[in-house]
Amino acid sequence: MCVAIPMRVVEKEGDMGVVELGGVRRRVSLQLLDDVEVGDYVIVHAGFAIEKLDEETARETLELFESLGVID
């Protein structure tokens, strides 16, 4: 089983980006999504952003994960 957590895009250069959650940054491919910009939230799996989320949905999901102890 795999758990995908929303992460915020903090840098973008072409089809690549850097996402962040809790100070942890990862370089990911943005090739699978259209119109991703810095500040957007995305779901990341295996190094690829696979879905774009609105901020409210991302925050609700992160709060749920925090309450379950999945993330700090």
Protein backbone atom coordinates (compact mmCIF):
# COMPACT_ATOMS: atom_id res chain seq x y z
CA MET A 1 0.00 0.00 0.00
CA CYS A 2 1.15 3.50 -0.73
CA VAL A 3 0.06 6.74 0.90
CA ALA A 4 0.24 9.87 -1.21
CA ILE A 5 0.41 13.14 0.69
CA PRO A 6 -0.35 16.59 -0.74
CA MET A 7 2.77 18.71 -1.15
CA ARG A 8 3.11 22.37 -2.16
CA VAL A 9 5.07 23.32 -5.27
CA VAL A 10 7.81 25.75 -4.23
CA GLU A 11 9.91 25.83 -7.41
CA LYS A 12 9.21 25.12 -11.06
CA GLU A 13 11.52 24.87 -14.05
CA GLY A 14 9.97 23.47 -17.21
CA ASP A 15 8.48 20.04 -16.55
CA MET A 16 10.28 19.64 -13.22
CA GLY A 17 9.46 21.10 -9.84
CA VAL A 18 10.37 21.07 -6.18
CA VAL A 19 7.63 20.25 -3.67
CA GLU A 20 7.70 20.75 0.08
CA LEU A 21 5.96 19.49 3.19
CA GLY A 22 7.14 20.25 6.70
CA GLY A 23 10.51 21.51 5.50
CA VAL A 24 11.19 18.37 3.45
CA ARG A 25 11.76 19.11 -0.23
CA ARG A 26 11.68 16.70 -3.16
CA ARG A 27 12.34 17.17 -6.86
CA VAL A 28 9.45 15.79 -8.92
CA SER A 29 8.27 15.58 -12.51
CA LEU A 30 5.29 17.76 -13.42
CA GLN A 31 4.91 16.20 -16.91
CA LEU A 32 1.61 14.47 -16.13
CA LEU A 33 -0.26 17.65 -15.17
CA ASP A 34 -1.25 20.83 -16.98
CA ASP A 35 -1.02 24.33 -15.55
CA VAL A 36 0.87 23.59 -12.32
CA GLU A 37 2.32 26.75 -10.79
CA VAL A 38 4.37 27.62 -7.73
CA GLY A 39 2.02 27.60 -4.73
CA ASP A 40 -0.22 24.81 -6.05
CA TYR A 41 -0.73 21.59 -4.10
CA VAL A 42 -0.13 18.28 -5.84
CA ILE A 43 -0.27 14.59 -4.96
CA VAL A 44 3.13 12.98 -5.56
CA HIS A 45 3.72 9.30 -6.31
CA ALA A 46 7.02 7.71 -7.36
CA GLY A 47 8.58 11.05 -8.25
CA PHE A 48 5.64 12.30 -10.34
CA ALA A 49 2.97 14.85 -9.49
CA ILE A 50 -0.16 12.87 -10.40
CA GLU A 51 -2.99 15.16 -9.32
CA LYS A 52 -3.49 18.84 -8.59
CA LEU A 53 -5.56 19.76 -5.50
CA ASP A 54 -7.22 22.96 -4.41
CA GLU A 55 -5.75 24.42 -1.23
CA GLU A 56 -8.79 23.63 0.94
CA THR A 57 -8.77 19.93 0.01
CA ALA A 58 -5.01 19.74 0.52
CA ARG A 59 -5.23 21.33 3.98
CA GLU A 60 -8.12 19.07 5.03
CA THR A 61 -6.15 16.01 3.93
CA LEU A 62 -3.02 17.16 5.75
CA GLU A 63 -5.03 17.80 8.93
CA LEU A 64 -6.48 14.30 8.70
CA PHE A 65 -3.01 12.76 8.27
CA GLU A 66 -1.76 14.79 11.25
CA SER A 67 -4.63 13.57 13.44
CA LEU A 68 -3.77 9.98 12.49
CA GLY A 69 -0.10 10.51 13.28
CA VAL A 70 1.00 9.87 9.69
CA ILE A 71 2.83 13.23 9.54
CA ASP A 72 4.00 15.74 12.14
